[in-house]
Structure formats: C-alpha cells, structure tokens
PDB file of all heavy atoms in Angstrom:
ATOM      1  N   VAL A   1     -14.191  17.800  -0.276  1.00  0.00           N
ATOM      2  CA  VAL A   1     -13.403  16.620   0.086  1.00  0.00           C
ATOM      3  C   VAL A   1     -13.598  16.236   1.537  1.00  0.00           C
ATOM      4  O   VAL A   1     -13.863  15.090   1.914  1.00  0.00           O
ATOM      5  CB  VAL A   1     -11.883  16.814  -0.239  1.00  0.00           C
ATOM      6  CG1 VAL A   1     -11.038  15.702   0.402  1.00  0.00           C
ATOM      7  CG2 VAL A   1     -11.640  16.845  -1.732  1.00  0.00           C
ATOM      8  N   ALA A   2     -13.556  17.242   2.425  1.00  0.00           N
ATOM      9  CA  ALA A   2     -13.783  17.016   3.853  1.00  0.00           C
ATOM     10  C   ALA A   2     -15.179  16.460   4.146  1.00  0.00           C
ATOM     11  O   ALA A   2     -15.364  15.521   4.927  1.00  0.00           O
ATOM     12  CB  ALA A   2     -13.557  18.293   4.659  1.00  0.00           C
ATOM     13  N   ASP A   3     -16.236  17.058   3.481  1.00  0.00           N
ATOM     14  CA  ASP A   3     -17.576  16.591   3.659  1.00  0.00           C
ATOM     15  C   ASP A   3     -17.757  15.163   3.213  1.00  0.00           C
ATOM     16  O   ASP A   3     -18.468  14.361   3.831  1.00  0.00           O
ATOM     17  CB  ASP A   3     -18.575  17.494   2.908  1.00  0.00           C
ATOM     18  CG  ASP A   3     -18.693  18.857   3.535  1.00  0.00           C
ATOM     19  OD1 ASP A   3     -18.176  19.087   4.649  1.00  0.00           O
ATOM     20  OD2 ASP A   3     -19.271  19.784   2.880  1.00  0.00           O
ATOM     21  N   THR A   4     -17.141  14.845   2.106  1.00  0.00           N
ATOM     22  CA  THR A   4     -17.247  13.504   1.591  1.00  0.00           C
ATOM     23  C   THR A   4     -16.479  12.489   2.434  1.00  0.00           C
ATOM     24  O   THR A   4     -16.939  11.398   2.727  1.00  0.00           O
ATOM     25  CB  THR A   4     -16.741  13.388   0.112  1.00  0.00           C
ATOM     26  OG1 THR A   4     -17.440  14.375  -0.658  1.00  0.00           O
ATOM     27  CG2 THR A   4     -16.956  12.031  -0.503  1.00  0.00           C
ATOM     28  N   THR A   5     -15.320  12.908   2.882  1.00  0.00           N
ATOM     29  CA  THR A   5     -14.495  12.029   3.721  1.00  0.00           C
ATOM     30  C   THR A   5     -15.136  11.749   5.088  1.00  0.00           C
ATOM     31  O   THR A   5     -15.181  10.615   5.534  1.00  0.00           O
ATOM     32  CB  THR A   5     -13.061  12.693   3.907  1.00  0.00           C
ATOM     33  OG1 THR A   5     -12.448  12.863   2.635  1.00  0.00           O
ATOM     34  CG2 THR A   5     -12.191  11.788   4.783  1.00  0.00           C
ATOM     35  N   ASN A   6     -15.569  12.850   5.716  1.00  0.00           N
ATOM     36  CA  ASN A   6     -16.044  12.722   7.088  1.00  0.00           C
ATOM     37  C   ASN A   6     -17.552  12.654   7.246  1.00  0.00           C
ATOM     38  O   ASN A   6     -18.045  12.463   8.353  1.00  0.00           O
ATOM     39  CB  ASN A   6     -15.505  13.960   7.880  1.00  0.00           C
ATOM     40  CG  ASN A   6     -14.035  14.058   7.802  1.00  0.00           C
ATOM     41  OD1 ASN A   6     -13.326  13.074   7.971  1.00  0.00           O
ATOM     42  ND2 ASN A   6     -13.534  15.278   7.576  1.00  0.00           N
ATOM     43  N   GLY A   7     -18.270  12.862   6.162  1.00  0.00           N
ATOM     44  CA  GLY A   7     -19.725  12.886   6.240  1.00  0.00           C
ATOM     45  C   GLY A   7     -20.218  14.266   6.656  1.00  0.00           C
ATOM     46  O   GLY A   7     -19.449  15.064   7.193  1.00  0.00           O
ATOM     47  N   LYS A   8     -21.446  14.541   6.340  1.00  0.00           N
ATOM     48  CA  LYS A   8     -22.051  15.829   6.703  1.00  0.00           C
ATOM     49  C   LYS A   8     -23.542  15.645   6.775  1.00  0.00           C
ATOM     50  O   LYS A   8     -24.142  15.190   5.822  1.00  0.00           O
ATOM     51  CB  LYS A   8     -21.680  16.947   5.725  1.00  0.00           C
ATOM     52  CG  LYS A   8     -22.192  18.291   6.148  1.00  0.00           C
ATOM     53  CD  LYS A   8     -21.728  19.394   5.237  1.00  0.00           C
ATOM     54  CE  LYS A   8     -22.287  20.706   5.729  1.00  0.00           C
ATOM     55  NZ  LYS A   8     -21.866  21.825   4.888  1.00  0.00           N
ATOM     56  N   GLY A   9     -24.125  16.065   7.874  1.00  0.00           N
ATOM     57  CA  GLY A   9     -25.597  15.890   8.005  1.00  0.00           C
ATOM     58  C   GLY A   9     -25.968  14.401   7.883  1.00  0.00           C
ATOM     59  O   GLY A   9     -25.377  13.575   8.574  1.00  0.00           O
ATOM     60  N   LYS A  10     -26.849  14.144   6.947  1.00  0.00           N
ATOM     61  CA  LYS A  10     -27.257  12.695   6.758  1.00  0.00           C
ATOM     62  C   LYS A  10     -26.350  11.961   5.814  1.00  0.00           C
ATOM     63  O   LYS A  10     -26.492  10.747   5.625  1.00  0.00           O
ATOM     64  CB  LYS A  10     -28.700  12.691   6.254  1.00  0.00           C
ATOM     65  CG  LYS A  10     -29.704  13.226   7.272  1.00  0.00           C
ATOM     66  CD  LYS A  10     -31.101  13.193   6.740  1.00  0.00           C
ATOM     67  CE  LYS A  10     -32.060  13.787   7.761  1.00  0.00           C
ATOM     68  NZ  LYS A  10     -33.436  13.805   7.331  1.00  0.00           N
ATOM     69  N   MET A  11     -25.408  12.661   5.190  1.00  0.00           N
ATOM     70  CA  MET A  11     -24.445  11.989   4.247  1.00  0.00           C
ATOM     71  C   MET A  11     -23.453  11.209   5.110  1.00  0.00           C
ATOM     72  O   MET A  11     -22.779  11.784   5.957  1.00  0.00           O
ATOM     73  CB  MET A  11     -23.775  12.975   3.361  1.00  0.00           C
ATOM     74  CG  MET A  11     -22.942  12.301   2.315  1.00  0.00           C
ATOM     75  SD  MET A  11     -22.253  13.450   1.155  1.00  0.00           S
ATOM     76  CE  MET A  11     -20.607  13.601   1.768  1.00  0.00           C
ATOM     77  N   PRO A  12     -23.269   9.922   4.797  1.00  0.00           N
ATOM     78  CA  PRO A  12     -22.276   9.143   5.516  1.00  0.00           C
ATOM     79  C   PRO A  12     -20.884   9.489   5.175  1.00  0.00           C
ATOM     80  O   PRO A  12     -20.597  10.085   4.096  1.00  0.00           O
ATOM     81  CB  PRO A  12     -22.603   7.706   5.069  1.00  0.00           C
ATOM     82  CG  PRO A  12     -23.177   7.846   3.734  1.00  0.00           C
ATOM     83  CD  PRO A  12     -23.950   9.158   3.757  1.00  0.00           C
ATOM     84  N   ALA A  13     -19.976   9.171   6.026  1.00  0.00           N
ATOM     85  CA  ALA A  13     -18.530   9.380   5.783  1.00  0.00           C
ATOM     86  C   ALA A  13     -18.054   8.287   4.784  1.00  0.00           C
ATOM     87  O   ALA A  13     -18.464   7.175   4.911  1.00  0.00           O
ATOM     88  CB  ALA A  13     -17.755   9.262   7.084  1.00  0.00           C
ATOM     89  N   TYR A  14     -17.217   8.662   3.896  1.00  0.00           N
ATOM     90  CA  TYR A  14     -16.644   7.717   2.943  1.00  0.00           C
ATOM     91  C   TYR A  14     -15.185   7.389   3.250  1.00  0.00           C
ATOM     92  O   TYR A  14     -14.556   6.693   2.466  1.00  0.00           O
ATOM     93  CB  TYR A  14     -16.815   8.258   1.500  1.00  0.00           C
ATOM     94  CG  TYR A  14     -18.229   8.010   1.021  1.00  0.00           C
ATOM     95  CD1 TYR A  14     -19.214   8.946   1.222  1.00  0.00           C
ATOM     96  CD2 TYR A  14     -18.577   6.805   0.438  1.00  0.00           C
ATOM     97  CE1 TYR A  14     -20.507   8.688   0.817  1.00  0.00           C
ATOM     98  CE2 TYR A  14     -19.883   6.541   0.028  1.00  0.00           C
ATOM     99  CZ  TYR A  14     -20.803   7.502   0.240  1.00  0.00           C
ATOM    100  OH  TYR A  14     -22.135   7.252  -0.192  1.00  0.00           O
ATOM    101  N   LYS A  15     -14.688   7.879   4.378  1.00  0.00           N
ATOM    102  CA  LYS A  15     -13.321   7.542   4.820  1.00  0.00           C
ATOM    103  C   LYS A  15     -13.285   6.025   5.054  1.00  0.00           C
ATOM    104  O   LYS A  15     -14.119   5.486   5.778  1.00  0.00           O
ATOM    105  CB  LYS A  15     -12.976   8.284   6.092  1.00  0.00           C
ATOM    106  CG  LYS A  15     -11.568   8.056   6.548  1.00  0.00           C
ATOM    107  CD  LYS A  15     -11.240   8.921   7.752  1.00  0.00           C
ATOM    108  CE  LYS A  15      -9.798   8.830   8.035  1.00  0.00           C
ATOM    109  NZ  LYS A  15      -9.351   9.864   9.017  1.00  0.00           N
ATOM    110  N   GLY A  16     -12.330   5.380   4.427  1.00  0.00           N
ATOM    111  CA  GLY A  16     -12.200   3.944   4.567  1.00  0.00           C
ATOM    112  C   GLY A  16     -13.033   3.178   3.557  1.00  0.00           C
ATOM    113  O   GLY A  16     -12.832   1.997   3.326  1.00  0.00           O
ATOM    114  N   LYS A  17     -14.008   3.849   2.902  1.00  0.00           N
ATOM    115  CA  LYS A  17     -14.828   3.227   1.873  1.00  0.00           C
ATOM    116  C   LYS A  17     -14.315   3.581   0.498  1.00  0.00           C
ATOM    117  O   LYS A  17     -14.472   2.824  -0.456  1.00  0.00           O
ATOM    118  CB  LYS A  17     -16.302   3.674   2.008  1.00  0.00           C
ATOM    119  CG  LYS A  17     -16.938   3.256   3.295  1.00  0.00           C
ATOM    120  CD  LYS A  17     -18.325   3.782   3.439  1.00  0.00           C
ATOM    121  CE  LYS A  17     -18.896   3.491   4.802  1.00  0.00           C
ATOM    122  NZ  LYS A  17     -20.168   4.138   5.029  1.00  0.00           N
ATOM    123  N   LEU A  18     -13.797   4.817   0.378  1.00  0.00           N
ATOM    124  CA  LEU A  18     -13.159   5.290  -0.852  1.00  0.00           C
ATOM    125  C   LEU A  18     -11.769   5.819  -0.538  1.00  0.00           C
ATOM    126  O   LEU A  18     -11.556   6.368   0.553  1.00  0.00           O
ATOM    127  CB  LEU A  18     -13.979   6.477  -1.451  1.00  0.00           C
ATOM    128  CG  LEU A  18     -15.374   6.176  -1.973  1.00  0.00           C
ATOM    129  CD1 LEU A  18     -16.055   7.447  -2.391  1.00  0.00           C
ATOM    130  CD2 LEU A  18     -15.365   5.177  -3.118  1.00  0.00           C
ATOM    131  N   ALA A  19     -10.862   5.607  -1.455  1.00  0.00           N
ATOM    132  CA  ALA A  19      -9.525   6.107  -1.285  1.00  0.00           C
ATOM    133  C   ALA A  19      -9.523   7.667  -1.437  1.00  0.00           C
ATOM    134  O   ALA A  19     -10.447   8.197  -2.089  1.00  0.00           O
ATOM    135  CB  ALA A  19      -8.607   5.522  -2.325  1.00  0.00           C
ATOM    136  N   ASP A  20      -8.554   8.315  -0.833  1.00  0.00           N
ATOM    137  CA  ASP A  20      -8.509   9.783  -0.945  1.00  0.00           C
ATOM    138  C   ASP A  20      -8.538  10.224  -2.400  1.00  0.00           C
ATOM    139  O   ASP A  20      -9.187  11.183  -2.728  1.00  0.00           O
ATOM    140  CB  ASP A  20      -7.210  10.305  -0.269  1.00  0.00           C
ATOM    141  CG  ASP A  20      -7.250  10.133   1.250  1.00  0.00           C
ATOM    142  OD1 ASP A  20      -8.305   9.873   1.856  1.00  0.00           O
ATOM    143  OD2 ASP A  20      -6.168  10.276   1.862  1.00  0.00           O
ATOM    144  N   ALA A  21      -7.836   9.539  -3.298  1.00  0.00           N
ATOM    145  CA  ALA A  21      -7.791   9.832  -4.708  1.00  0.00           C
ATOM    146  C   ALA A  21      -9.167   9.719  -5.327  1.00  0.00           C
ATOM    147  O   ALA A  21      -9.576  10.590  -6.140  1.00  0.00           O
ATOM    148  CB  ALA A  21      -6.790   8.999  -5.437  1.00  0.00           C
ATOM    149  N   GLN A  22      -9.924   8.694  -4.931  1.00  0.00           N
ATOM    150  CA  GLN A  22     -11.301   8.520  -5.476  1.00  0.00           C
ATOM    151  C   GLN A  22     -12.190   9.681  -5.028  1.00  0.00           C
ATOM    152  O   GLN A  22     -13.022  10.192  -5.826  1.00  0.00           O
ATOM    153  CB  GLN A  22     -11.894   7.220  -4.977  1.00  0.00           C
ATOM    154  CG  GLN A  22     -11.312   6.012  -5.624  1.00  0.00           C
ATOM    155  CD  GLN A  22     -11.920   4.767  -5.020  1.00  0.00           C
ATOM    156  OE1 GLN A  22     -11.742   4.462  -3.830  1.00  0.00           O
ATOM    157  NE2 GLN A  22     -12.599   3.959  -5.856  1.00  0.00           N
ATOM    158  N   ILE A  23     -12.059  10.101  -3.786  1.00  0.00           N
ATOM    159  CA  ILE A  23     -12.866  11.228  -3.306  1.00  0.00           C
ATOM    160  C   ILE A  23     -12.534  12.488  -4.104  1.00  0.00           C
ATOM    161  O   ILE A  23     -13.451  13.217  -4.520  1.00  0.00           O
ATOM    162  CB  ILE A  23     -12.664  11.408  -1.767  1.00  0.00           C
ATOM    163  CG1 ILE A  23     -13.259  10.223  -1.043  1.00  0.00           C
ATOM    164  CG2 ILE A  23     -13.250  12.752  -1.317  1.00  0.00           C
ATOM    165  CD1 ILE A  23     -12.965  10.201   0.451  1.00  0.00           C
ATOM    166  N   LYS A  24     -11.276  12.759  -4.345  1.00  0.00           N
ATOM    167  CA  LYS A  24     -10.892  13.924  -5.123  1.00  0.00           C
ATOM    168  C   LYS A  24     -11.402  13.836  -6.560  1.00  0.00           C
ATOM    169  O   LYS A  24     -11.806  14.820  -7.116  1.00  0.00           O
ATOM    170  CB  LYS A  24      -9.355  14.077  -5.111  1.00  0.00           C
ATOM    171  CG  LYS A  24      -8.872  14.564  -3.744  1.00  0.00           C
ATOM    172  CD  LYS A  24      -7.369  14.716  -3.733  1.00  0.00           C
ATOM    173  CE  LYS A  24      -6.919  15.167  -2.348  1.00  0.00           C
ATOM    174  NZ  LYS A  24      -5.492  15.366  -2.277  1.00  0.00           N
ATOM    175  N   GLU A  25     -11.411  12.604  -7.125  1.00  0.00           N
ATOM    176  CA  GLU A  25     -11.929  12.419  -8.455  1.00  0.00           C
ATOM    177  C   GLU A  25     -13.446  12.685  -8.510  1.00  0.00           C
ATOM    178  O   GLU A  25     -13.915  13.296  -9.443  1.00  0.00           O
ATOM    179  CB  GLU A  25     -11.619  10.999  -8.932  1.00  0.00           C
ATOM    180  CG  GLU A  25     -10.164  10.731  -9.212  1.00  0.00           C
ATOM    181  CD  GLU A  25      -9.823   9.277  -9.388  1.00  0.00           C
ATOM    182  OE1 GLU A  25     -10.726   8.424  -9.330  1.00  0.00           O
ATOM    183  OE2 GLU A  25      -8.638   8.946  -9.625  1.00  0.00           O
TER     184      GLU A  25
END
C-alpha cells in the first residue's frame, strides 16, 4: 500500500490519483 501510494523506484505515486480504498483493493 505504501509503495503504491508513495511510489517506489520508477513506479509513480498514486496518492491523489487513486483513493485509499482503491489502492487496498
């Protein structure tokens, strides 16, 4: 969840692009 929310390496952050519930899903 943290990696998806904040990004990691070349993966962009999805904070503000996806809701917290979507990231958990």
